[in-house]
Protein backbone atom coordinates (compact mmCIF):
# COMPACT_ATOMS: atom_id res chain seq x y z
CA UNK A 1 0.00 0.00 0.00
CA UNK A 2 2.85 2.38 0.79
CA UNK A 3 4.40 1.93 -2.64
CA UNK A 4 1.07 2.24 -4.44
CA UNK A 5 0.35 5.49 -2.57
CA UNK A 6 3.81 6.94 -3.18
CA UNK A 7 3.37 6.25 -6.87
CA UNK A 8 0.64 8.91 -6.79
CA UNK A 9 3.04 11.50 -5.37
CA UNK A 10 4.98 12.60 -2.35
CA UNK A 11 3.48 11.84 1.05
CA UNK A 12 4.43 12.24 4.70
CA UNK A 13 4.52 9.58 7.40
CA UNK A 14 1.31 10.83 9.03
CA UNK A 15 -0.65 10.44 5.80
CA UNK A 16 0.83 6.99 5.18
CA UNK A 17 0.09 5.93 8.76
CA UNK A 18 -3.54 6.93 8.32
CA UNK A 19 -3.73 5.06 5.00
CA UNK A 20 -2.45 1.72 6.30
CA UNK A 21 -3.82 1.93 9.84
CA UNK A 22 -0.53 1.17 11.57
CA UNK A 23 1.38 3.15 14.16
CA UNK A 24 3.94 5.71 12.92
CA UNK A 25 6.95 3.74 14.18
CA UNK A 26 5.92 0.67 12.15
CA UNK A 27 5.37 2.74 9.00
CA UNK A 28 8.71 4.49 9.55
CA UNK A 29 10.48 1.13 9.85
CA UNK A 30 8.96 -0.05 6.57
CA UNK A 31 9.97 3.21 4.89
CA UNK A 32 13.51 2.83 6.22
CA UNK A 33 13.75 -0.60 4.59
CA UNK A 34 12.36 0.77 1.32
CA UNK A 35 14.81 3.69 1.45
CA UNK A 36 17.74 1.34 2.13
CA UNK A 37 16.72 -0.69 -0.92
CA UNK A 38 16.65 2.45 -3.08
CA UNK A 39 12.91 2.21 -3.70
CA UNK A 40 11.93 5.45 -1.94
CA UNK A 41 13.68 8.67 -1.00
CA UNK A 42 12.86 11.26 1.62
CA UNK A 43 13.22 14.96 2.26
CA UNK A 44 12.68 17.01 5.39
CA UNK A 45 10.61 20.13 5.60
CA UNK A 46 10.86 21.37 9.17
CA UNK A 47 9.88 18.45 11.37
CA UNK A 48 7.93 16.68 8.60
CA UNK A 49 9.53 13.98 6.45
CA UNK A 50 8.13 13.50 2.96
CA UNK A 51 8.66 10.32 0.97
CA UNK A 52 8.60 9.77 -2.77
CA UNK A 53 8.91 6.72 -4.98
CA UNK A 54 12.26 6.49 -6.79
CA UNK A 55 11.66 3.31 -8.77
CA UNK A 56 8.13 3.19 -10.23
CA UNK A 57 9.08 -0.01 -12.10
CA UNK A 58 8.69 -1.81 -8.74
CA UNK A 59 4.94 -1.65 -9.35
CA UNK A 60 5.37 -3.99 -12.32
CA UNK A 61 7.21 -6.48 -10.11
CA UNK A 62 4.50 -6.27 -7.45
CA UNK A 63 1.73 -6.73 -10.03
CA UNK A 64 3.49 -9.74 -11.50
CA UNK A 65 4.02 -11.34 -8.08
CA UNK A 66 0.38 -10.70 -7.19
CA UNK A 67 -0.75 -12.37 -10.43
CA UNK A 68 1.43 -15.41 -9.77
CA UNK A 69 0.14 -15.70 -6.20
CA UNK A 70 -3.41 -15.66 -7.51
CA UNK A 71 -2.61 -18.26 -10.20
CA UNK A 72 -2.94 -15.89 -13.14
CA UNK A 73 0.70 -15.66 -14.28
CA UNK A 74 2.32 -12.40 -15.34
């Protein structure tokens, strides 16, 4: 869900937390993993951190995996 949302544009942790219904620390941990993998990037504006998707091609990988899981193939 985080990646799908970030594909629509930049978003802060509060907005992402509200979207997925998890606590901010959990969302931040997921975003840290995604940032370490080079999938997202962040920028600070005051005390707010905004995230953006760096590799939109990851959506193709996710869609393919989802199709395989549901027995549809890519």
